[in-house]
PDB file of N, CA and C in Angstrom:
ATOM      1  N   MET A   1     -12.665  -6.390  10.438  1.00  0.00           N
ATOM      2  CA  MET A   1     -12.046  -5.979   9.369  1.00  0.00           C
ATOM      3  C   MET A   1     -12.053  -6.981   8.108  1.00  0.00           C
ATOM      4  N   SER A   2     -12.126  -8.269   8.389  1.00  0.00           N
ATOM      5  CA  SER A   2     -12.162  -9.202   7.342  1.00  0.00           C
ATOM      6  C   SER A   2     -13.321  -9.033   6.300  1.00  0.00           C
ATOM      7  N   GLY A   3     -14.452  -9.176   6.804  1.00  0.00           N
ATOM      8  CA  GLY A   3     -15.666  -8.882   5.856  1.00  0.00           C
ATOM      9  C   GLY A   3     -15.494  -9.509   4.534  1.00  0.00           C
ATOM     10  N   GLY A   4     -15.044 -10.744   4.321  1.00  0.00           N
ATOM     11  CA  GLY A   4     -14.905 -11.252   3.001  1.00  0.00           C
ATOM     12  C   GLY A   4     -13.570 -10.881   2.328  1.00  0.00           C
ATOM     13  N   HIS A   5     -12.663 -10.131   2.917  1.00  0.00           N
ATOM     14  CA  HIS A   5     -11.443  -9.810   2.356  1.00  0.00           C
ATOM     15  C   HIS A   5     -10.465 -10.929   2.417  1.00  0.00           C
ATOM     16  N   SER A   6      -9.463 -10.956   1.661  1.00  0.00           N
ATOM     17  CA  SER A   6      -8.336 -11.929   1.749  1.00  0.00           C
ATOM     18  C   SER A   6      -7.424 -11.579   3.001  1.00  0.00           C
ATOM     19  N   LYS A   7      -6.661 -12.527   3.214  1.00  0.00           N
ATOM     20  CA  LYS A   7      -5.703 -12.427   4.391  1.00  0.00           C
ATOM     21  C   LYS A   7      -4.691 -11.368   4.014  1.00  0.00           C
ATOM     22  N   GLU A   8      -4.261 -11.182   2.816  1.00  0.00           N
ATOM     23  CA  GLU A   8      -3.313 -10.273   2.323  1.00  0.00           C
ATOM     24  C   GLU A   8      -3.846  -8.863   2.489  1.00  0.00           C
ATOM     25  N   TYR A   9      -5.211  -8.720   2.229  1.00  0.00           N
ATOM     26  CA  TYR A   9      -5.876  -7.457   2.365  1.00  0.00           C
ATOM     27  C   TYR A   9      -5.747  -6.974   3.852  1.00  0.00           C
ATOM     28  N   ASP A  10      -6.214  -7.922   4.705  1.00  0.00           N
ATOM     29  CA  ASP A  10      -6.224  -7.692   6.154  1.00  0.00           C
ATOM     30  C   ASP A  10      -4.831  -7.359   6.554  1.00  0.00           C
ATOM     31  N   ASP A  11      -3.790  -8.090   6.048  1.00  0.00           N
ATOM     32  CA  ASP A  11      -2.340  -7.779   6.560  1.00  0.00           C
ATOM     33  C   ASP A  11      -1.990  -6.435   6.037  1.00  0.00           C
ATOM     34  N   GLY A  12      -2.365  -5.973   4.855  1.00  0.00           N
ATOM     35  CA  GLY A  12      -1.923  -4.472   4.380  1.00  0.00           C
ATOM     36  C   GLY A  12      -2.808  -3.533   5.324  1.00  0.00           C
ATOM     37  N   PHE A  13      -4.009  -3.761   5.542  1.00  0.00           N
ATOM     38  CA  PHE A  13      -4.835  -2.808   6.462  1.00  0.00           C
ATOM     39  C   PHE A  13      -4.018  -2.767   7.798  1.00  0.00           C
ATOM     40  N   LYS A  14      -3.737  -3.852   8.409  1.00  0.00           N
ATOM     41  CA  LYS A  14      -3.029  -3.827   9.599  1.00  0.00           C
ATOM     42  C   LYS A  14      -1.663  -3.161   9.631  1.00  0.00           C
ATOM     43  N   SER A  15      -1.021  -3.392   8.492  1.00  0.00           N
ATOM     44  CA  SER A  15       0.411  -2.827   8.293  1.00  0.00           C
ATOM     45  C   SER A  15       0.272  -1.307   8.278  1.00  0.00           C
ATOM     46  N   PHE A  16      -0.742  -0.732   7.825  1.00  0.00           N
ATOM     47  CA  PHE A  16      -0.852   0.655   7.771  1.00  0.00           C
ATOM     48  C   PHE A  16      -1.150   1.245   9.184  1.00  0.00           C
ATOM     49  N   LEU A  17      -1.962   0.531   9.898  1.00  0.00           N
ATOM     50  CA  LEU A  17      -2.389   0.918  11.215  1.00  0.00           C
ATOM     51  C   LEU A  17      -1.247   0.813  12.291  1.00  0.00           C
ATOM     52  N   LYS A  18      -0.376  -0.242  11.968  1.00  0.00           N
ATOM     53  CA  LYS A  18       0.908  -0.293  12.787  1.00  0.00           C
ATOM     54  C   LYS A  18       1.888   0.768  12.582  1.00  0.00           C
ATOM     55  N   ASP A  19       2.066   1.092  11.339  1.00  0.00           N
ATOM     56  CA  ASP A  19       3.049   2.160  11.039  1.00  0.00           C
ATOM     57  C   ASP A  19       2.880   2.771   9.667  1.00  0.00           C
ATOM     58  N   PRO A  20       2.085   3.884   9.608  1.00  0.00           N
ATOM     59  CA  PRO A  20       1.685   4.484   8.441  1.00  0.00           C
ATOM     60  C   PRO A  20       2.818   5.123   7.605  1.00  0.00           C
ATOM     61  N   ASP A  21       4.107   5.277   8.329  1.00  0.00           N
ATOM     62  CA  ASP A  21       5.259   5.839   7.643  1.00  0.00           C
ATOM     63  C   ASP A  21       6.008   4.791   6.838  1.00  0.00           C
ATOM     64  N   TYR A  22       5.674   3.532   6.968  1.00  0.00           N
ATOM     65  CA  TYR A  22       6.413   2.525   6.367  1.00  0.00           C
ATOM     66  C   TYR A  22       5.530   1.634   5.630  1.00  0.00           C
ATOM     67  N   TYR A  23       5.666   1.521   4.299  1.00  0.00           N
ATOM     68  CA  TYR A  23       4.877   0.597   3.365  1.00  0.00           C
ATOM     69  C   TYR A  23       5.937  -0.537   2.935  1.00  0.00           C
ATOM     70  N   ASN A  24       5.549  -1.616   3.305  1.00  0.00           N
ATOM     71  CA  ASN A  24       6.366  -2.836   2.934  1.00  0.00           C
ATOM     72  C   ASN A  24       5.561  -4.012   2.544  1.00  0.00           C
ATOM     73  N   ASN A  25       5.322  -3.998   1.179  1.00  0.00           N
ATOM     74  CA  ASN A  25       4.386  -5.113   0.635  1.00  0.00           C
ATOM     75  C   ASN A  25       5.445  -6.306   0.392  1.00  0.00           C
ATOM     76  N   PRO A  26       5.194  -7.374   1.281  1.00  0.00           N
ATOM     77  CA  PRO A  26       6.086  -8.499   1.268  1.00  0.00           C
ATOM     78  C   PRO A  26       5.797  -9.460  -0.014  1.00  0.00           C
ATOM     79  N   HIS A  27       4.847  -9.125  -0.784  1.00  0.00           N
ATOM     80  CA  HIS A  27       4.423 -10.051  -1.940  1.00  0.00           C
ATOM     81  C   HIS A  27       5.012  -9.643  -3.263  1.00  0.00           C
ATOM     82  N   GLN A  28       5.189 -10.593  -4.098  1.00  0.00           N
ATOM     83  CA  GLN A  28       5.801 -10.434  -5.369  1.00  0.00           C
ATOM     84  C   GLN A  28       4.976  -9.367  -6.288  1.00  0.00           C
ATOM     85  N   ASN A  29       5.437  -8.487  -6.892  1.00  0.00           N
ATOM     86  CA  ASN A  29       4.745  -7.520  -7.773  1.00  0.00           C
ATOM     87  C   ASN A  29       3.967  -8.333  -8.748  1.00  0.00           C
ATOM     88  N   SER A  30       2.895  -7.755  -9.253  1.00  0.00           N
ATOM     89  CA  SER A  30       1.968  -8.275 -10.303  1.00  0.00           C
ATOM     90  C   SER A  30       1.281  -9.612  -9.903  1.00  0.00           C
ATOM     91  N   THR A  31       1.138  -9.729  -8.534  1.00  0.00           N
ATOM     92  CA  THR A  31       0.409 -10.994  -8.178  1.00  0.00           C
ATOM     93  C   THR A  31      -0.906 -10.476  -7.448  1.00  0.00           C
ATOM     94  N   GLN A  32      -1.834 -11.395  -7.316  1.00  0.00           N
ATOM     95  CA  GLN A  32      -3.037 -10.932  -6.598  1.00  0.00           C
ATOM     96  C   GLN A  32      -2.696 -10.696  -5.157  1.00  0.00           C
ATOM     97  N   ALA A  33      -1.826 -11.475  -4.475  1.00  0.00           N
ATOM     98  CA  ALA A  33      -1.513 -11.143  -3.211  1.00  0.00           C
ATOM     99  C   ALA A  33      -0.862  -9.733  -2.915  1.00  0.00           C
ATOM    100  N   PHE A  34      -0.087  -9.330  -3.857  1.00  0.00           N
ATOM    101  CA  PHE A  34       0.517  -7.937  -3.877  1.00  0.00           C
ATOM    102  C   PHE A  34      -0.649  -6.913  -3.930  1.00  0.00           C
ATOM    103  N   ASN A  35      -1.530  -7.136  -4.992  1.00  0.00           N
ATOM    104  CA  ASN A  35      -2.587  -6.138  -5.172  1.00  0.00           C
ATOM    105  C   ASN A  35      -3.603  -6.158  -3.927  1.00  0.00           C
ATOM    106  N   ASP A  36      -3.894  -7.265  -3.316  1.00  0.00           N
ATOM    107  CA  ASP A  36      -4.733  -7.281  -2.165  1.00  0.00           C
ATOM    108  C   ASP A  36      -4.193  -6.538  -0.963  1.00  0.00           C
ATOM    109  N   PHE A  37      -2.783  -6.802  -0.739  1.00  0.00           N
ATOM    110  CA  PHE A  37      -2.029  -6.131   0.441  1.00  0.00           C
ATOM    111  C   PHE A  37      -2.176  -4.599   0.049  1.00  0.00           C
ATOM    112  N   GLU A  38      -1.870  -4.164  -1.061  1.00  0.00           N
ATOM    113  CA  GLU A  38      -1.905  -2.763  -1.424  1.00  0.00           C
ATOM    114  C   GLU A  38      -3.231  -2.180  -1.180  1.00  0.00           C
ATOM    115  N   ARG A  39      -4.307  -2.826  -1.573  1.00  0.00           N
ATOM    116  CA  ARG A  39      -5.690  -2.432  -1.402  1.00  0.00           C
ATOM    117  C   ARG A  39      -5.981  -2.268   0.018  1.00  0.00           C
ATOM    118  N   GLY A  40      -5.586  -3.191   0.887  1.00  0.00           N
ATOM    119  CA  GLY A  40      -5.838  -3.194   2.340  1.00  0.00           C
ATOM    120  C   GLY A  40      -5.079  -1.901   2.865  1.00  0.00           C
ATOM    121  N   TRP A  41      -3.884  -1.636   2.598  1.00  0.00           N
ATOM    122  CA  TRP A  41      -3.017  -0.587   3.066  1.00  0.00           C
ATOM    123  C   TRP A  41      -3.762   0.762   2.631  1.00  0.00           C
ATOM    124  N   THR A  42      -4.198   0.810   1.351  1.00  0.00           N
ATOM    125  CA  THR A  42      -4.712   2.093   0.918  1.00  0.00           C
ATOM    126  C   THR A  42      -6.112   2.338   1.564  1.00  0.00           C
ATOM    127  N   GLN A  43      -6.776   1.214   1.769  1.00  0.00           N
ATOM    128  CA  GLN A  43      -8.266   1.486   2.478  1.00  0.00           C
ATOM    129  C   GLN A  43      -8.035   1.922   3.862  1.00  0.00           C
ATOM    130  N   ALA A  44      -7.049   1.445   4.590  1.00  0.00           N
ATOM    131  CA  ALA A  44      -6.802   1.939   5.999  1.00  0.00           C
ATOM    132  C   ALA A  44      -6.382   3.402   5.838  1.00  0.00           C
ATOM    133  N   LEU A  45      -5.539   3.762   4.791  1.00  0.00           N
ATOM    134  CA  LEU A  45      -5.227   5.220   4.789  1.00  0.00           C
ATOM    135  C   LEU A  45      -6.412   6.123   4.564  1.00  0.00           C
ATOM    136  N   LYS A  46      -7.395   5.639   3.732  1.00  0.00           N
ATOM    137  CA  LYS A  46      -8.611   6.403   3.478  1.00  0.00           C
ATOM    138  C   LYS A  46      -9.435   6.405   4.635  1.00  0.00           C
ATOM    139  N   ARG A  47      -9.607   5.249   5.517  1.00  0.00           N
ATOM    140  CA  ARG A  47     -10.435   5.309   6.701  1.00  0.00           C
ATOM    141  C   ARG A  47      -9.984   6.024   7.839  1.00  0.00           C
ATOM    142  N   TYR A  48      -8.601   5.944   7.951  1.00  0.00           N
ATOM    143  CA  TYR A  48      -8.016   6.541   9.169  1.00  0.00           C
ATOM    144  C   TYR A  48      -6.837   7.683   8.740  1.00  0.00           C
ATOM    145  N   PRO A  49      -7.385   8.769   8.246  1.00  0.00           N
ATOM    146  CA  PRO A  49      -6.477   9.813   7.667  1.00  0.00           C
ATOM    147  C   PRO A  49      -5.780  10.328   8.869  1.00  0.00           C
ATOM    148  N   GLU A  50      -6.192  10.328  10.101  1.00  0.00           N
ATOM    149  CA  GLU A  50      -5.478  10.897  11.200  1.00  0.00           C
ATOM    150  C   GLU A  50      -4.285  10.099  11.565  1.00  0.00           C
ATOM    151  N   GLN A  51      -4.084   8.871  11.017  1.00  0.00           N
ATOM    152  CA  GLN A  51      -2.932   8.086  11.199  1.00  0.00           C
ATOM    153  C   GLN A  51      -1.778   8.471  10.359  1.00  0.00           C
ATOM    154  N   LYS A  52      -2.153   9.230   9.369  1.00  0.00           N
ATOM    155  CA  LYS A  52      -1.073   9.765   8.476  1.00  0.00           C
ATOM    156  C   LYS A  52       0.042  10.318   9.181  1.00  0.00           C
ATOM    157  N   SER A  53       1.285  10.185   8.600  1.00  0.00           N
ATOM    158  CA  SER A  53       2.433  10.784   9.224  1.00  0.00           C
ATOM    159  C   SER A  53       2.336  12.196   9.406  1.00  0.00           C
ATOM    160  N   ALA A  54       3.009  12.748  10.414  1.00  0.00           N
ATOM    161  CA  ALA A  54       2.984  14.092  10.615  1.00  0.00           C
ATOM    162  C   ALA A  54       3.883  14.869   9.680  1.00  0.00           C
ATOM    163  N   SER A  55       4.892  13.994   9.094  1.00  0.00           N
ATOM    164  CA  SER A  55       5.817  14.555   7.941  1.00  0.00           C
ATOM    165  C   SER A  55       5.006  14.786   6.667  1.00  0.00           C
ATOM    166  N   SER A  56       5.512  15.549   5.758  1.00  0.00           N
ATOM    167  CA  SER A  56       4.891  15.491   4.513  1.00  0.00           C
ATOM    168  C   SER A  56       5.354  14.489   3.425  1.00  0.00           C
ATOM    169  N   LYS A  57       6.399  13.789   4.021  1.00  0.00           N
ATOM    170  CA  LYS A  57       7.052  12.871   3.047  1.00  0.00           C
ATOM    171  C   LYS A  57       6.001  11.619   2.918  1.00  0.00           C
ATOM    172  N   PRO A  58       6.160  11.078   1.656  1.00  0.00           N
ATOM    173  CA  PRO A  58       5.364   9.727   1.552  1.00  0.00           C
ATOM    174  C   PRO A  58       5.948   8.578   2.301  1.00  0.00           C
ATOM    175  N   PRO A  59       5.201   7.598   2.514  1.00  0.00           N
ATOM    176  CA  PRO A  59       5.833   6.464   3.356  1.00  0.00           C
ATOM    177  C   PRO A  59       6.962   5.792   2.693  1.00  0.00           C
ATOM    178  N   THR A  60       7.865   5.386   3.576  1.00  0.00           N
ATOM    179  CA  THR A  60       9.076   4.701   3.221  1.00  0.00           C
ATOM    180  C   THR A  60       8.672   3.350   2.469  1.00  0.00           C
ATOM    181  N   ARG A  61       9.191   3.041   1.385  1.00  0.00           N
ATOM    182  CA  ARG A  61       8.888   1.891   0.613  1.00  0.00           C
ATOM    183  C   ARG A  61      10.055   0.938   0.405  1.00  0.00           C
ATOM    184  N   ARG A  62       9.753  -0.169   0.301  1.00  0.00           N
ATOM    185  CA  ARG A  62      10.930  -1.143  -0.014  1.00  0.00           C
ATOM    186  C   ARG A  62      11.426  -0.884  -1.354  1.00  0.00           C
ATOM    187  N   THR A  63      12.694  -1.270  -1.486  1.00  0.00           N
ATOM    188  CA  THR A  63      13.288  -0.874  -2.831  1.00  0.00           C
ATOM    189  C   THR A  63      12.799  -2.079  -3.813  1.00  0.00           C
ATOM    190  N   ILE A  64      12.359  -1.562  -4.920  1.00  0.00           N
ATOM    191  CA  ILE A  64      12.024  -2.598  -5.931  1.00  0.00           C
ATOM    192  C   ILE A  64      13.205  -2.681  -6.931  1.00  0.00           C
ATOM    193  N   PRO A  65      13.636  -3.971  -7.144  1.00  0.00           N
ATOM    194  CA  PRO A  65      14.676  -4.209  -8.066  1.00  0.00           C
ATOM    195  C   PRO A  65      14.359  -3.766  -9.473  1.00  0.00           C
ATOM    196  N   SER A  66      15.341  -3.163 -10.186  1.00  0.00           N
ATOM    197  CA  SER A  66      15.110  -2.532 -11.505  1.00  0.00           C
ATOM    198  C   SER A  66      14.446  -3.615 -12.489  1.00  0.00           C
ATOM    199  N   SER A  67      14.725  -4.902 -12.257  1.00  0.00           N
ATOM    200  CA  SER A  67      14.219  -5.878 -13.075  1.00  0.00           C
ATOM    201  C   SER A  67      12.748  -6.024 -12.848  1.00  0.00           C
ATOM    202  N   GLN A  68      12.155  -5.621 -11.798  1.00  0.00           N
ATOM    203  CA  GLN A  68      10.672  -5.629 -11.519  1.00  0.00           C
ATOM    204  C   GLN A  68       9.988  -4.351 -11.888  1.00  0.00           C
ATOM    205  N   LYS A  69      10.662  -3.364 -12.019  1.00  0.00           N
ATOM    206  CA  LYS A  69       9.965  -2.051 -12.240  1.00  0.00           C
ATOM    207  C   LYS A  69       9.121  -1.966 -13.427  1.00  0.00           C
ATOM    208  N   GLU A  70       9.484  -2.727 -14.352  1.00  0.00           N
ATOM    209  CA  GLU A  70       8.811  -2.695 -15.702  1.00  0.00           C
ATOM    210  C   GLU A  70       7.515  -3.528 -15.658  1.00  0.00           C
ATOM    211  N   LYS A  71       7.410  -4.459 -14.494  1.00  0.00           N
ATOM    212  CA  LYS A  71       6.207  -5.290 -14.329  1.00  0.00           C
ATOM    213  C   LYS A  71       5.169  -4.625 -13.536  1.00  0.00           C
ATOM    214  N   ILE A  72       5.255  -3.440 -13.327  1.00  0.00           N
ATOM    215  CA  ILE A  72       4.156  -2.643 -12.518  1.00  0.00           C
ATOM    216  C   ILE A  72       2.812  -2.491 -13.447  1.00  0.00           C
ATOM    217  N   SER A  73       1.899  -2.963 -13.060  1.00  0.00           N
ATOM    218  CA  SER A  73       0.520  -3.014 -13.818  1.00  0.00           C
ATOM    219  C   SER A  73       0.018  -1.633 -13.899  1.00  0.00           C
ATOM    220  N   PRO A  74      -0.742  -1.206 -14.899  1.00  0.00           N
ATOM    221  CA  PRO A  74      -1.385   0.101 -14.918  1.00  0.00           C
ATOM    222  C   PRO A  74      -2.327   0.413 -13.567  1.00  0.00           C
ATOM    223  N   GLU A  75      -2.903  -0.696 -13.131  1.00  0.00           N
ATOM    224  CA  GLU A  75      -3.692  -0.577 -11.827  1.00  0.00           C
ATOM    225  C   GLU A  75      -2.839  -0.123 -10.731  1.00  0.00           C
ATOM    226  N   GLN A  76      -1.672  -0.793 -10.674  1.00  0.00           N
ATOM    227  CA  GLN A  76      -0.697  -0.401  -9.544  1.00  0.00           C
ATOM    228  C   GLN A  76      -0.245   0.940  -9.697  1.00  0.00           C
ATOM    229  N   LYS A  77       0.038   1.456 -10.916  1.00  0.00           N
ATOM    230  CA  LYS A  77       0.403   2.754 -11.179  1.00  0.00           C
ATOM    231  C   LYS A  77      -0.669   3.858 -10.755  1.00  0.00           C
ATOM    232  N   LYS A  78      -1.906   3.366 -10.941  1.00  0.00           N
ATOM    233  CA  LYS A  78      -3.049   4.231 -10.529  1.00  0.00           C
ATOM    234  C   LYS A  78      -3.084   4.437  -9.065  1.00  0.00           C
ATOM    235  N   ILE A  79      -2.816   3.293  -8.275  1.00  0.00           N
ATOM    236  CA  ILE A  79      -2.851   3.203  -6.857  1.00  0.00           C
ATOM    237  C   ILE A  79      -1.731   4.202  -6.332  1.00  0.00           C
ATOM    238  N   ARG A  80      -0.479   3.977  -6.959  1.00  0.00           N
ATOM    239  CA  ARG A  80       0.696   4.800  -6.551  1.00  0.00           C
ATOM    240  C   ARG A  80       0.401   6.360  -6.702  1.00  0.00           C
ATOM    241  N   ASN A  81      -0.173   6.568  -7.807  1.00  0.00           N
ATOM    242  CA  ASN A  81      -0.370   8.126  -8.148  1.00  0.00           C
ATOM    243  C   ASN A  81      -1.494   8.566  -7.117  1.00  0.00           C
ATOM    244  N   ALA A  82      -2.477   7.606  -6.672  1.00  0.00           N
ATOM    245  CA  ALA A  82      -3.442   8.117  -5.595  1.00  0.00           C
ATOM    246  C   ALA A  82      -2.743   8.322  -4.243  1.00  0.00           C
ATOM    247  N   TYR A  83      -1.795   7.502  -3.959  1.00  0.00           N
ATOM    248  CA  TYR A  83      -0.961   7.741  -2.711  1.00  0.00           C
ATOM    249  C   TYR A  83      -0.397   9.128  -2.770  1.00  0.00           C
ATOM    250  N   LYS A  84       0.126   9.590  -3.850  1.00  0.00           N
ATOM    251  CA  LYS A  84       0.846  10.884  -4.045  1.00  0.00           C
ATOM    252  C   LYS A  84      -0.234  12.000  -3.846  1.00  0.00           C
ATOM    253  N   LYS A  85      -1.380  11.752  -4.313  1.00  0.00           N
ATOM    254  CA  LYS A  85      -2.448  12.810  -4.194  1.00  0.00           C
ATOM    255  C   LYS A  85      -2.923  12.896  -2.784  1.00  0.00           C
ATOM    256  N   ILE A  86      -3.049  11.777  -2.145  1.00  0.00           N
ATOM    257  CA  ILE A  86      -3.543  11.728  -0.741  1.00  0.00           C
ATOM    258  C   ILE A  86      -2.523  12.501   0.257  1.00  0.00           C
ATOM    259  N   ARG A  87      -1.225  12.245  -0.090  1.00  0.00           N
ATOM    260  CA  ARG A  87      -0.137  12.715   0.823  1.00  0.00           C
ATOM    261  C   ARG A  87       0.093  14.117   0.536  1.00  0.00           C
ATOM    262  N   GLU A  88      -0.470  14.763  -0.510  1.00  0.00           N
ATOM    263  CA  GLU A  88      -0.173  16.189  -0.690  1.00  0.00           C
ATOM    264  C   GLU A  88      -0.898  17.112   0.224  1.00  0.00           C
TER     265      GLU A  88
END
């Protein structure tokens, strides 16, 4: 899996494979670590679509404090919108 990816990317990839119904990015929003984890999780979702939840609900996500919500980058918004499209 590593193939030149960061530890955070690998952790995100493994997190999806472990439980595709639960998305829990342990890193601070708007950091490279957060983005890498999210990229790994998303890549696993794309590569292993059969792992997707049987339910039509999107994965459970950790609650983001309102003080951090405005810190979401345009790139992160794109990724989140992609999640929605994949899950439909």
